[in-house]
Each structure stands twice: as structure tokens, then as C-alpha cells.
N, C-alpha and C. Protein backbone atom coordinates (compact mmCIF):
# COMPACT_ATOMS: atom_id res chain seq x y z
N MET A 1 0.85 -1.19 0.00
CA MET A 1 0.00 0.00 0.00
C MET A 1 0.89 1.24 0.00
N SER A 2 0.61 2.17 -0.90
CA SER A 2 1.44 3.36 -1.02
C SER A 2 1.16 4.34 0.10
N ASP A 3 2.13 5.27 0.28
CA ASP A 3 1.97 6.28 1.32
C ASP A 3 0.75 7.15 1.08
N ASP A 4 0.47 7.44 -0.21
CA ASP A 4 -0.68 8.28 -0.54
C ASP A 4 -1.99 7.62 -0.09
N VAL A 5 -2.07 6.30 -0.31
CA VAL A 5 -3.28 5.58 0.09
C VAL A 5 -3.43 5.56 1.60
N ILE A 6 -2.31 5.36 2.30
CA ILE A 6 -2.34 5.34 3.76
C ILE A 6 -2.81 6.69 4.30
N LEU A 7 -2.28 7.77 3.73
CA LEU A 7 -2.69 9.10 4.16
C LEU A 7 -4.17 9.34 3.89
N GLN A 8 -4.63 8.85 2.74
CA GLN A 8 -6.04 9.02 2.39
C GLN A 8 -6.93 8.27 3.37
N VAL A 9 -6.52 7.05 3.75
CA VAL A 9 -7.29 6.26 4.73
C VAL A 9 -7.33 6.96 6.08
N GLN A 10 -6.17 7.50 6.51
CA GLN A 10 -6.13 8.21 7.78
C GLN A 10 -7.04 9.43 7.77
N GLU A 11 -7.04 10.15 6.64
CA GLU A 11 -7.91 11.33 6.54
C GLU A 11 -9.38 10.93 6.59
N LEU A 12 -9.71 9.80 5.95
CA LEU A 12 -11.09 9.33 5.96
C LEU A 12 -11.53 8.94 7.37
N ILE A 13 -10.62 8.30 8.10
CA ILE A 13 -10.93 7.89 9.48
C ILE A 13 -11.15 9.12 10.36
N GLU A 14 -10.24 10.11 10.23
CA GLU A 14 -10.37 11.33 11.02
C GLU A 14 -11.67 12.06 10.68
N SER A 15 -11.99 12.08 9.40
CA SER A 15 -13.23 12.73 8.97
C SER A 15 -14.45 12.02 9.52
N ALA A 16 -14.41 10.69 9.51
CA ALA A 16 -15.53 9.90 10.04
C ALA A 16 -15.70 10.13 11.53
N ASN A 17 -14.58 10.16 12.27
CA ASN A 17 -14.65 10.41 13.71
C ASN A 17 -15.23 11.79 14.00
N ALA A 18 -14.79 12.78 13.23
CA ALA A 18 -15.30 14.14 13.43
C ALA A 18 -16.79 14.21 13.13
N SER A 19 -17.20 13.53 12.06
CA SER A 19 -18.62 13.51 11.70
C SER A 19 -19.45 12.83 12.78
N LEU A 20 -18.91 11.76 13.36
CA LEU A 20 -19.62 11.03 14.40
C LEU A 20 -19.81 11.90 15.64
N LYS A 21 -18.75 12.63 16.03
CA LYS A 21 -18.86 13.53 17.18
C LYS A 21 -19.88 14.63 16.92
N THR A 22 -19.86 15.16 15.71
CA THR A 22 -20.83 16.21 15.36
C THR A 22 -22.25 15.67 15.40
N ALA A 23 -22.43 14.44 14.90
CA ALA A 23 -23.76 13.81 14.89
C ALA A 23 -24.26 13.61 16.31
N HIS A 24 -23.38 13.17 17.21
CA HIS A 24 -23.76 12.98 18.61
C HIS A 24 -24.17 14.31 19.24
N ALA A 25 -23.39 15.36 18.94
CA ALA A 25 -23.69 16.67 19.50
C ALA A 25 -25.05 17.17 19.00
N LEU A 26 -25.31 17.01 17.70
CA LEU A 26 -26.58 17.44 17.13
C LEU A 26 -27.74 16.65 17.72
N LEU A 27 -27.52 15.35 17.91
CA LEU A 27 -28.57 14.51 18.47
C LEU A 27 -28.91 14.94 19.89
N ARG A 28 -27.87 15.30 20.66
CA ARG A 28 -28.12 15.75 22.02
C ARG A 28 -28.89 17.07 22.03
N GLN A 29 -28.56 17.95 21.05
CA GLN A 29 -29.26 19.23 20.98
C GLN A 29 -30.73 19.04 20.61
N VAL A 30 -30.98 18.13 19.68
CA VAL A 30 -32.35 17.92 19.19
C VAL A 30 -33.21 17.20 20.22
N THR A 31 -32.65 16.13 20.82
CA THR A 31 -33.43 15.31 21.74
C THR A 31 -33.38 15.82 23.17
N GLY A 32 -32.34 16.60 23.48
CA GLY A 32 -32.19 17.07 24.85
C GLY A 32 -31.63 16.01 25.78
N VAL A 33 -31.28 14.85 25.22
CA VAL A 33 -30.74 13.76 26.02
C VAL A 33 -29.23 13.92 26.12
N THR A 34 -28.77 14.19 27.31
CA THR A 34 -27.33 14.36 27.51
C THR A 34 -26.78 13.38 28.53
N ASP A 35 -27.67 12.70 29.27
CA ASP A 35 -27.22 11.86 30.38
C ASP A 35 -27.07 10.42 29.95
N THR A 36 -26.22 10.16 28.97
CA THR A 36 -25.97 8.80 28.55
C THR A 36 -25.10 8.11 29.58
N ASP A 37 -25.01 6.76 29.48
CA ASP A 37 -24.22 6.00 30.44
C ASP A 37 -22.79 6.50 30.49
N ARG A 38 -22.19 6.69 29.33
CA ARG A 38 -20.79 7.11 29.30
C ARG A 38 -20.63 8.52 29.85
N GLU A 39 -21.57 9.42 29.51
CA GLU A 39 -21.47 10.78 30.00
C GLU A 39 -21.61 10.84 31.52
N ARG A 40 -22.43 9.96 32.09
CA ARG A 40 -22.55 9.90 33.54
C ARG A 40 -21.22 9.51 34.17
N ILE A 41 -20.56 8.51 33.56
CA ILE A 41 -19.28 8.05 34.10
C ILE A 41 -18.24 9.15 33.99
N VAL A 42 -18.17 9.81 32.83
CA VAL A 42 -17.20 10.89 32.65
C VAL A 42 -17.49 12.04 33.61
N SER A 43 -18.78 12.34 33.81
CA SER A 43 -19.16 13.41 34.72
C SER A 43 -18.72 13.09 36.14
N ARG A 44 -18.92 11.85 36.56
CA ARG A 44 -18.49 11.45 37.90
C ARG A 44 -16.98 11.52 38.03
N ALA A 45 -16.28 11.11 36.99
CA ALA A 45 -14.81 11.13 37.02
C ALA A 45 -14.31 12.57 37.17
N SER A 46 -14.95 13.51 36.47
CA SER A 46 -14.50 14.90 36.52
C SER A 46 -14.83 15.56 37.84
N SER A 47 -15.83 15.02 38.56
CA SER A 47 -16.22 15.62 39.83
C SER A 47 -15.47 15.04 41.02
N MET A 48 -14.66 14.02 40.78
CA MET A 48 -13.91 13.41 41.87
C MET A 48 -12.86 14.38 42.38
N SER A 49 -12.53 14.24 43.64
CA SER A 49 -11.52 15.11 44.23
C SER A 49 -10.17 14.85 43.59
N GLY A 50 -9.38 15.91 43.48
CA GLY A 50 -8.07 15.77 42.86
C GLY A 50 -8.18 16.00 41.37
N SER A 51 -7.12 16.42 40.76
CA SER A 51 -7.12 16.67 39.32
C SER A 51 -6.59 15.47 38.59
N THR A 52 -7.15 15.22 37.42
CA THR A 52 -6.66 14.12 36.61
C THR A 52 -5.40 14.56 35.89
N SER A 53 -4.54 13.62 35.62
CA SER A 53 -3.29 13.92 34.96
C SER A 53 -3.15 13.06 33.73
N PRO A 54 -2.41 13.48 32.73
CA PRO A 54 -2.16 12.62 31.59
C PRO A 54 -1.31 11.43 32.01
N VAL A 55 -1.17 10.48 31.09
CA VAL A 55 -0.44 9.27 31.40
C VAL A 55 0.95 9.57 31.92
N SER A 56 1.61 10.60 31.36
CA SER A 56 2.96 10.93 31.78
C SER A 56 2.99 11.61 33.14
N GLY A 57 1.80 11.97 33.66
CA GLY A 57 1.72 12.67 34.93
C GLY A 57 1.70 11.77 36.13
N LYS A 58 1.91 10.47 35.94
CA LYS A 58 2.06 9.50 37.01
C LYS A 58 0.74 9.04 37.64
N VAL A 59 -0.23 9.95 37.83
CA VAL A 59 -1.47 9.56 38.51
C VAL A 59 -2.69 9.98 37.68
N VAL A 60 -3.63 9.05 37.53
CA VAL A 60 -4.88 9.32 36.81
C VAL A 60 -6.02 8.81 37.68
N GLU A 61 -7.07 9.62 37.81
CA GLU A 61 -8.26 9.21 38.55
C GLU A 61 -9.43 9.04 37.60
N GLY A 62 -10.30 8.11 37.93
CA GLY A 62 -11.44 7.87 37.05
C GLY A 62 -12.48 6.99 37.71
N ILE A 63 -13.41 6.50 36.89
CA ILE A 63 -14.53 5.70 37.36
C ILE A 63 -14.51 4.34 36.66
N PHE A 64 -14.77 3.29 37.42
CA PHE A 64 -14.83 1.94 36.85
C PHE A 64 -16.17 1.77 36.14
N ASP A 65 -16.13 1.35 34.88
CA ASP A 65 -17.36 1.20 34.10
C ASP A 65 -17.81 -0.25 33.99
N GLY A 66 -17.22 -1.11 34.80
CA GLY A 66 -17.55 -2.53 34.75
C GLY A 66 -16.46 -3.35 34.10
N GLN A 67 -15.61 -2.68 33.34
CA GLN A 67 -14.53 -3.36 32.63
C GLN A 67 -13.25 -2.52 32.58
N ASN A 68 -13.41 -1.20 32.41
CA ASN A 68 -12.27 -0.29 32.31
C ASN A 68 -12.44 0.86 33.29
N MET A 69 -11.37 1.66 33.43
CA MET A 69 -11.45 2.91 34.18
C MET A 69 -11.55 4.04 33.16
N VAL A 70 -12.49 4.95 33.37
CA VAL A 70 -12.71 6.07 32.47
C VAL A 70 -12.39 7.36 33.21
N ASP A 71 -11.49 8.19 32.65
CA ASP A 71 -11.14 9.44 33.33
C ASP A 71 -12.06 10.57 32.90
N ALA A 72 -11.81 11.76 33.42
CA ALA A 72 -12.70 12.89 33.18
C ALA A 72 -12.76 13.32 31.72
N SER A 73 -11.72 12.99 30.94
CA SER A 73 -11.71 13.36 29.53
C SER A 73 -12.32 12.29 28.64
N GLY A 74 -12.75 11.17 29.26
CA GLY A 74 -13.34 10.08 28.49
C GLY A 74 -12.34 9.03 28.05
N GLN A 75 -11.08 9.22 28.42
CA GLN A 75 -10.04 8.23 28.07
C GLN A 75 -10.22 6.98 28.92
N THR A 76 -10.12 5.81 28.29
CA THR A 76 -10.29 4.55 29.02
C THR A 76 -8.94 3.89 29.28
N TYR A 77 -8.86 3.23 30.42
CA TYR A 77 -7.67 2.49 30.82
C TYR A 77 -8.10 1.09 31.22
N PRO A 78 -7.55 0.06 30.58
CA PRO A 78 -7.97 -1.32 30.88
C PRO A 78 -7.58 -1.75 32.29
N VAL A 79 -8.57 -2.17 33.06
CA VAL A 79 -8.33 -2.68 34.41
C VAL A 79 -8.14 -4.19 34.32
N PRO A 80 -7.07 -4.74 34.88
CA PRO A 80 -6.87 -6.18 34.83
C PRO A 80 -8.09 -6.92 35.37
N ALA A 81 -8.60 -7.87 34.59
CA ALA A 81 -9.83 -8.57 34.96
C ALA A 81 -9.67 -9.34 36.27
N ASN A 82 -8.49 -9.91 36.49
CA ASN A 82 -8.27 -10.66 37.73
C ASN A 82 -8.36 -9.74 38.95
N TYR A 83 -7.77 -8.55 38.82
CA TYR A 83 -7.82 -7.58 39.92
C TYR A 83 -9.27 -7.14 40.18
N ALA A 84 -9.99 -6.83 39.11
CA ALA A 84 -11.38 -6.38 39.25
C ALA A 84 -12.25 -7.46 39.90
N SER A 85 -11.99 -8.72 39.53
CA SER A 85 -12.78 -9.82 40.06
C SER A 85 -12.49 -10.07 41.53
N LYS A 86 -11.20 -10.14 41.87
CA LYS A 86 -10.82 -10.42 43.26
C LYS A 86 -11.18 -9.26 44.18
N SER A 87 -11.10 -8.04 43.66
CA SER A 87 -11.44 -6.86 44.47
C SER A 87 -12.94 -6.59 44.49
N LYS A 88 -13.69 -7.32 43.67
CA LYS A 88 -15.14 -7.16 43.56
C LYS A 88 -15.50 -5.71 43.26
N LEU A 89 -14.83 -5.16 42.25
CA LEU A 89 -15.12 -3.79 41.84
C LEU A 89 -16.52 -3.71 41.25
N VAL A 90 -17.22 -2.65 41.58
CA VAL A 90 -18.59 -2.44 41.12
C VAL A 90 -18.63 -1.25 40.18
N GLU A 91 -19.45 -1.35 39.18
CA GLU A 91 -19.61 -0.26 38.22
C GLU A 91 -19.93 1.04 38.95
N GLY A 92 -19.12 2.06 38.71
CA GLY A 92 -19.30 3.34 39.38
C GLY A 92 -18.27 3.63 40.45
N ASP A 93 -17.46 2.62 40.83
CA ASP A 93 -16.42 2.83 41.83
C ASP A 93 -15.38 3.83 41.35
N GLY A 94 -14.96 4.72 42.24
CA GLY A 94 -13.88 5.65 41.93
C GLY A 94 -12.53 4.95 42.07
N MET A 95 -11.62 5.20 41.14
CA MET A 95 -10.33 4.53 41.13
C MET A 95 -9.19 5.51 40.88
N LYS A 96 -8.01 5.08 41.25
CA LYS A 96 -6.80 5.84 40.97
C LYS A 96 -5.79 4.92 40.30
N LEU A 97 -5.23 5.41 39.23
CA LEU A 97 -4.19 4.66 38.52
C LEU A 97 -2.85 5.36 38.71
N THR A 98 -1.89 4.63 39.26
CA THR A 98 -0.54 5.14 39.40
C THR A 98 0.35 4.46 38.37
N ILE A 99 1.03 5.26 37.59
CA ILE A 99 1.93 4.74 36.56
C ILE A 99 3.36 4.98 37.04
N THR A 100 4.08 3.91 37.30
CA THR A 100 5.42 4.03 37.85
C THR A 100 6.42 4.44 36.77
N ASP A 101 7.62 4.81 37.21
CA ASP A 101 8.66 5.19 36.26
C ASP A 101 9.05 4.02 35.36
N GLU A 102 8.80 2.79 35.86
CA GLU A 102 9.12 1.60 35.06
C GLU A 102 7.99 1.26 34.08
N GLY A 103 6.91 2.04 34.14
CA GLY A 103 5.81 1.79 33.21
C GLY A 103 4.76 0.84 33.73
N LYS A 104 4.82 0.49 35.02
CA LYS A 104 3.81 -0.41 35.58
C LYS A 104 2.54 0.38 35.92
N PHE A 105 1.40 -0.28 35.71
CA PHE A 105 0.11 0.32 36.02
C PHE A 105 -0.39 -0.28 37.34
N ILE A 106 -0.61 0.57 38.34
CA ILE A 106 -1.09 0.11 39.64
C ILE A 106 -2.42 0.79 39.93
N TYR A 107 -3.47 -0.04 40.02
CA TYR A 107 -4.82 0.49 40.27
C TYR A 107 -5.16 0.39 41.76
N LYS A 108 -5.99 1.34 42.20
CA LYS A 108 -6.46 1.32 43.58
C LYS A 108 -7.87 1.88 43.64
N GLN A 109 -8.73 1.20 44.38
CA GLN A 109 -10.09 1.69 44.57
C GLN A 109 -10.05 2.79 45.64
N ILE A 110 -10.56 3.97 45.31
CA ILE A 110 -10.48 5.08 46.26
C ILE A 110 -11.85 5.64 46.66
N ALA A 111 -12.89 5.34 45.92
CA ALA A 111 -14.21 5.89 46.24
C ALA A 111 -15.29 4.89 45.86
N PRO A 112 -15.44 3.81 46.65
CA PRO A 112 -16.45 2.80 46.33
C PRO A 112 -17.87 3.36 46.45
N VAL A 113 -18.72 2.95 45.54
CA VAL A 113 -20.13 3.36 45.60
C VAL A 113 -20.87 2.45 46.57
N LYS A 114 -22.05 2.90 47.00
CA LYS A 114 -22.89 2.05 47.85
C LYS A 114 -23.34 0.84 47.05
N ARG A 115 -23.35 -0.31 47.71
CA ARG A 115 -23.65 -1.55 47.03
C ARG A 115 -24.95 -2.19 47.52
N ARG A 116 -25.51 -3.00 46.64
CA ARG A 116 -26.62 -3.87 47.01
C ARG A 116 -26.38 -5.21 46.36
N THR A 117 -27.07 -6.23 46.84
CA THR A 117 -26.89 -7.56 46.28
C THR A 117 -28.14 -8.00 45.52
N ALA A 118 -27.92 -8.88 44.57
CA ALA A 118 -29.01 -9.49 43.82
C ALA A 118 -28.62 -10.94 43.56
N VAL A 119 -29.61 -11.80 43.51
CA VAL A 119 -29.37 -13.23 43.28
C VAL A 119 -29.97 -13.62 41.93
N GLY A 120 -29.18 -14.33 41.14
CA GLY A 120 -29.66 -14.75 39.84
C GLY A 120 -29.02 -16.05 39.40
N VAL A 121 -29.24 -16.38 38.14
CA VAL A 121 -28.73 -17.63 37.58
C VAL A 121 -27.74 -17.32 36.47
N LEU A 122 -26.64 -18.06 36.45
CA LEU A 122 -25.62 -17.85 35.41
C LEU A 122 -26.10 -18.43 34.09
N ILE A 123 -26.07 -17.60 33.05
CA ILE A 123 -26.46 -18.03 31.71
C ILE A 123 -25.34 -17.66 30.75
N GLN A 124 -25.45 -18.18 29.52
CA GLN A 124 -24.51 -17.81 28.47
C GLN A 124 -25.33 -17.29 27.30
N GLU A 125 -25.05 -16.05 26.91
CA GLU A 125 -25.82 -15.39 25.87
C GLU A 125 -24.87 -14.68 24.92
N ASP A 126 -25.01 -14.94 23.63
CA ASP A 126 -24.15 -14.31 22.62
C ASP A 126 -22.68 -14.55 22.92
N GLY A 127 -22.36 -15.74 23.43
CA GLY A 127 -20.98 -16.09 23.71
C GLY A 127 -20.42 -15.46 24.97
N GLN A 128 -21.26 -14.78 25.77
CA GLN A 128 -20.81 -14.14 27.00
C GLN A 128 -21.57 -14.68 28.20
N TYR A 129 -20.86 -14.71 29.34
CA TYR A 129 -21.52 -15.12 30.57
C TYR A 129 -22.26 -13.93 31.16
N LYS A 130 -23.49 -14.18 31.61
CA LYS A 130 -24.30 -13.13 32.22
C LYS A 130 -25.08 -13.72 33.40
N ILE A 131 -25.55 -12.83 34.26
CA ILE A 131 -26.40 -13.23 35.37
C ILE A 131 -27.81 -12.71 35.09
N LEU A 132 -28.76 -13.63 35.08
CA LEU A 132 -30.15 -13.26 34.89
C LEU A 132 -30.76 -13.03 36.27
N ALA A 133 -30.95 -11.77 36.61
CA ALA A 133 -31.47 -11.41 37.93
C ALA A 133 -32.39 -10.20 37.80
N GLU A 134 -33.47 -10.22 38.57
CA GLU A 134 -34.41 -9.10 38.60
C GLU A 134 -34.93 -8.75 37.21
N GLY A 135 -35.07 -9.78 36.37
CA GLY A 135 -35.60 -9.58 35.03
C GLY A 135 -34.64 -8.94 34.06
N LYS A 136 -33.35 -8.92 34.41
CA LYS A 136 -32.35 -8.28 33.56
C LYS A 136 -31.10 -9.15 33.50
N ALA A 137 -30.40 -9.10 32.36
CA ALA A 137 -29.16 -9.87 32.21
C ALA A 137 -27.97 -8.94 32.44
N TYR A 138 -27.23 -9.18 33.51
CA TYR A 138 -26.06 -8.38 33.83
C TYR A 138 -24.80 -9.08 33.31
N ARG A 139 -23.92 -8.31 32.69
CA ARG A 139 -22.68 -8.87 32.15
C ARG A 139 -21.71 -9.17 33.29
N LEU A 140 -20.85 -10.16 33.06
CA LEU A 140 -19.85 -10.56 34.04
C LEU A 140 -18.48 -10.60 33.37
N LEU A 141 -17.45 -10.33 34.16
CA LEU A 141 -16.09 -10.54 33.67
C LEU A 141 -15.82 -12.04 33.61
N LEU A 142 -15.23 -12.49 32.52
CA LEU A 142 -14.91 -13.91 32.38
C LEU A 142 -14.02 -14.38 33.53
N ALA A 143 -13.13 -13.50 33.99
CA ALA A 143 -12.23 -13.86 35.08
C ALA A 143 -13.00 -14.21 36.34
N SER A 144 -14.15 -13.56 36.57
CA SER A 144 -14.96 -13.85 37.75
C SER A 144 -15.56 -15.26 37.65
N VAL A 145 -16.01 -15.60 36.46
CA VAL A 145 -16.61 -16.92 36.25
C VAL A 145 -15.57 -18.02 36.47
N THR A 146 -14.38 -17.84 35.90
CA THR A 146 -13.34 -18.85 36.04
C THR A 146 -12.78 -18.88 37.46
N PHE A 147 -12.68 -17.71 38.11
CA PHE A 147 -12.15 -17.65 39.48
C PHE A 147 -13.03 -18.44 40.44
N TYR A 148 -14.34 -18.32 40.28
CA TYR A 148 -15.28 -19.03 41.16
C TYR A 148 -15.68 -20.40 40.60
N ARG A 149 -15.12 -20.74 39.43
CA ARG A 149 -15.42 -22.01 38.77
C ARG A 149 -16.93 -22.20 38.61
N ALA A 150 -17.58 -21.12 38.24
CA ALA A 150 -19.03 -21.16 38.08
C ALA A 150 -19.40 -21.82 36.75
N GLU A 151 -20.57 -22.42 36.72
CA GLU A 151 -21.08 -23.07 35.52
C GLU A 151 -22.49 -22.57 35.23
N VAL A 152 -22.88 -22.68 33.97
CA VAL A 152 -24.23 -22.28 33.58
C VAL A 152 -25.25 -23.03 34.42
N GLY A 153 -26.19 -22.29 34.97
CA GLY A 153 -27.21 -22.88 35.83
C GLY A 153 -26.95 -22.67 37.31
N ASP A 154 -25.72 -22.28 37.66
CA ASP A 154 -25.40 -22.02 39.07
C ASP A 154 -26.14 -20.77 39.55
N GLN A 155 -26.46 -20.78 40.84
CA GLN A 155 -27.07 -19.62 41.47
C GLN A 155 -25.97 -18.70 41.95
N VAL A 156 -26.02 -17.44 41.54
CA VAL A 156 -24.92 -16.51 41.82
C VAL A 156 -25.45 -15.25 42.50
N THR A 157 -24.73 -14.82 43.53
CA THR A 157 -25.02 -13.53 44.18
C THR A 157 -24.06 -12.49 43.60
N ILE A 158 -24.62 -11.39 43.13
CA ILE A 158 -23.79 -10.34 42.54
C ILE A 158 -23.95 -9.04 43.31
N LEU A 159 -22.93 -8.19 43.20
CA LEU A 159 -22.96 -6.85 43.78
C LEU A 159 -23.28 -5.86 42.68
N LEU A 160 -24.17 -4.91 42.99
CA LEU A 160 -24.58 -3.88 42.04
C LEU A 160 -24.54 -2.52 42.74
N PRO A 161 -24.34 -1.44 41.98
CA PRO A 161 -24.41 -0.12 42.59
C PRO A 161 -25.83 0.16 43.07
N GLU A 162 -25.93 0.79 44.23
CA GLU A 162 -27.24 1.02 44.83
C GLU A 162 -28.00 2.15 44.17
N ASP A 163 -27.30 3.18 43.74
CA ASP A 163 -27.96 4.40 43.29
C ASP A 163 -27.87 4.66 41.79
N MET A 164 -27.56 3.64 40.99
CA MET A 164 -27.49 3.85 39.55
C MET A 164 -27.80 2.56 38.81
N GLU A 165 -28.24 2.69 37.58
CA GLU A 165 -28.46 1.53 36.74
C GLU A 165 -27.11 0.96 36.31
N ALA A 166 -27.03 -0.34 36.24
CA ALA A 166 -25.75 -0.97 35.89
C ALA A 166 -25.95 -1.99 34.77
N LYS A 167 -24.88 -2.17 34.01
CA LYS A 167 -24.87 -3.21 32.98
C LYS A 167 -24.03 -4.40 33.42
N TRP A 168 -23.14 -4.16 34.41
CA TRP A 168 -22.23 -5.19 34.88
C TRP A 168 -22.51 -5.54 36.33
N GLY A 169 -22.27 -6.80 36.68
CA GLY A 169 -22.38 -7.23 38.06
C GLY A 169 -21.05 -7.79 38.52
N ALA A 170 -20.77 -7.66 39.81
CA ALA A 170 -19.55 -8.23 40.40
C ALA A 170 -19.93 -9.46 41.21
N VAL A 171 -19.30 -10.57 40.93
CA VAL A 171 -19.65 -11.82 41.60
C VAL A 171 -19.26 -11.77 43.07
N GLU A 172 -20.23 -12.06 43.95
CA GLU A 172 -20.00 -12.09 45.39
C GLU A 172 -19.84 -13.53 45.88
N ASN A 173 -20.79 -14.38 45.49
CA ASN A 173 -20.76 -15.79 45.87
C ASN A 173 -21.41 -16.64 44.79
N VAL A 174 -21.05 -17.92 44.77
CA VAL A 174 -21.63 -18.85 43.80
C VAL A 174 -22.13 -20.08 44.54
N LEU A 175 -23.38 -20.43 44.27
CA LEU A 175 -23.96 -21.66 44.82
C LEU A 175 -24.17 -22.61 43.65
N PRO A 176 -23.34 -23.68 43.56
CA PRO A 176 -23.47 -24.62 42.44
C PRO A 176 -24.89 -25.14 42.30
N LYS A 177 -25.31 -25.41 41.05
CA LYS A 177 -26.70 -25.77 40.80
C LYS A 177 -27.13 -27.04 41.51
N HIS A 178 -26.20 -28.02 41.68
CA HIS A 178 -26.62 -29.26 42.33
C HIS A 178 -26.91 -29.02 43.81
N ILE A 179 -26.20 -28.07 44.43
CA ILE A 179 -26.47 -27.74 45.82
C ILE A 179 -27.78 -26.96 45.92
N ALA A 180 -27.98 -26.03 44.98
CA ALA A 180 -29.21 -25.25 44.97
C ALA A 180 -30.42 -26.15 44.76
N GLN A 181 -30.29 -27.15 43.87
CA GLN A 181 -31.39 -28.08 43.62
C GLN A 181 -31.67 -28.94 44.85
N ALA A 182 -30.61 -29.37 45.53
CA ALA A 182 -30.79 -30.17 46.75
C ALA A 182 -31.47 -29.35 47.83
N ALA A 183 -31.08 -28.10 47.95
CA ALA A 183 -31.71 -27.23 48.95
C ALA A 183 -33.17 -26.99 48.61
N ALA A 184 -33.47 -26.85 47.31
CA ALA A 184 -34.86 -26.64 46.90
C ALA A 184 -35.70 -27.87 47.21
N ARG A 185 -35.12 -29.07 46.97
CA ARG A 185 -35.86 -30.30 47.29
C ARG A 185 -36.10 -30.42 48.78
N ALA A 186 -35.12 -30.02 49.57
CA ALA A 186 -35.28 -30.08 51.02
C ALA A 186 -36.37 -29.12 51.48
N ASP A 187 -36.42 -27.93 50.86
CA ASP A 187 -37.46 -26.98 51.21
C ASP A 187 -38.84 -27.52 50.87
N VAL A 188 -38.95 -28.16 49.70
CA VAL A 188 -40.24 -28.73 49.29
C VAL A 188 -40.66 -29.82 50.26
N ALA A 189 -39.72 -30.67 50.66
CA ALA A 189 -40.01 -31.75 51.60
C ALA A 189 -40.46 -31.18 52.94
N ALA A 190 -39.79 -30.12 53.39
CA ALA A 190 -40.15 -29.51 54.67
C ALA A 190 -41.55 -28.91 54.61
N GLU A 191 -41.85 -28.22 53.49
CA GLU A 191 -43.18 -27.64 53.33
C GLU A 191 -44.25 -28.72 53.28
N SER A 192 -43.95 -29.85 52.64
CA SER A 192 -44.91 -30.94 52.55
C SER A 192 -45.20 -31.51 53.94
N THR A 193 -44.17 -31.61 54.76
CA THR A 193 -44.34 -32.13 56.12
C THR A 193 -45.21 -31.19 56.93
N GLU A 194 -44.95 -29.87 56.79
CA GLU A 194 -45.73 -28.89 57.53
C GLU A 194 -47.18 -28.88 57.08
N ASP A 195 -47.43 -29.12 55.80
CA ASP A 195 -48.80 -29.10 55.27
C ASP A 195 -49.53 -30.41 55.50
N GLY A 196 -48.83 -31.41 56.06
CA GLY A 196 -49.45 -32.68 56.32
C GLY A 196 -49.72 -33.50 55.08
N GLU A 197 -48.89 -33.31 54.06
CA GLU A 197 -49.13 -34.02 52.81
C GLU A 197 -48.44 -35.38 52.79
N LEU A 198 -47.57 -35.66 53.77
CA LEU A 198 -46.93 -36.95 53.81
C LEU A 198 -47.90 -37.99 54.36
N SER A 199 -47.64 -39.26 54.08
CA SER A 199 -48.51 -40.32 54.54
C SER A 199 -48.55 -40.34 56.06
N PRO A 200 -49.71 -40.39 56.67
CA PRO A 200 -49.80 -40.38 58.13
C PRO A 200 -49.19 -41.63 58.71
N ARG A 201 -48.70 -41.48 59.94
CA ARG A 201 -48.14 -42.66 60.61
C ARG A 201 -49.27 -43.54 61.09
N VAL A 202 -49.01 -44.83 61.07
CA VAL A 202 -49.99 -45.79 61.56
C VAL A 202 -49.71 -46.02 63.03
N GLU A 203 -50.65 -45.59 63.88
CA GLU A 203 -50.45 -45.75 65.31
C GLU A 203 -50.81 -47.17 65.75
N LYS A 204 -49.98 -47.67 66.66
CA LYS A 204 -50.24 -49.02 67.18
C LYS A 204 -51.35 -48.97 68.21
């Protein structure tokens, strides 16, 4: 591919990106809708205490969006899935990224949001693991599923932000389906005994 073609492709990409931004701006003006999911995250990141710094500035603050950290300018930073899973990060948590002189990325949770729990069933949809809870399918990090060795059909407790809508859930606990089924059978048996549905004893 010649240099002229490469330059032309780059110009087309830049033009497309500019057009897309303009289209989004016009759509917001026409519809009056400005509080999109991403804009909420960016707004929260910009309102956090402390100033954000560029990558070369050693420290960046932002908000966890369920998979990445988003700073006040909308720049995303990939959060290691293992760290997010083990730390049980919840969508909306405030984070700080420290970039060392050696180029290492060190994340820290600095402003956790209020949490609530929900119980659902692990499903697989469109090639992704999700939790079906409260009539909604919440996305999960694959690392969480493998860390807890969860399987489709298992009953899972997830953490969700209390004061905002979420697309992602953080795995809190996993109850394997065979244990859940055994517990359900035990509950049914107990209820049957209380209702007197079992065969009466023959008195001597």
C-alpha cells in the first residue's frame, strides 16, 4: 500500500470520527438527552476530588465502568480482569491509577459506591456469561466466572451499585446448581411435612 493511500485512509478515518462527534452533538441538541451511560461516568470522574493527569503525569483518577477505568476526559484504561474480580469492583467505583517510572500500572479503589446484592442464575448469551437477575441480564467478567469455577445454571449472588443503573455485576458468591437443587428439594419436603401431605403414621 502506497503512502498516498495510507494518508487518504487516515484522513477518511479522522473525517468519520469528526462527523460522528458532530452527529452525537446534534442529536443531544435535538433530543435534549445528555445523560448517557458514558457521560454519567465521565461526569463522575470529573467531579472526583483531585485533578486528573495525563499518562505521563504518574497519577490518573477515574470511574470503573464494569470493565475499564474512564477518566474525566473520556479516556479509558484497561483494568486487569483478575484484579477487578478479586477486588469485587462495582460499576461506578472511583479509582486511581498510578503509573510508575518503570511503566507499571497500579490500580487502587479510592471511592467505592454504595452496594446492594441481587441473586440470579448464570447463563450464556451471545458467547458471553451473564447473570439473569431481577428480570435483567447483567454482564460478568470472564475472570470472575473462572475464578469461582461457576457453571451455567449455578445460582450466583452479585454486587450492584445502589444508586445507579448498571450493565455489569460483580460476583460475590456462587452456589453450584446441584447444591441449589438439593436445597430446593429439602425446602419442598419440609413444606410438605408442615402441610401434612406426607402419609400419616400408623399408630399401634
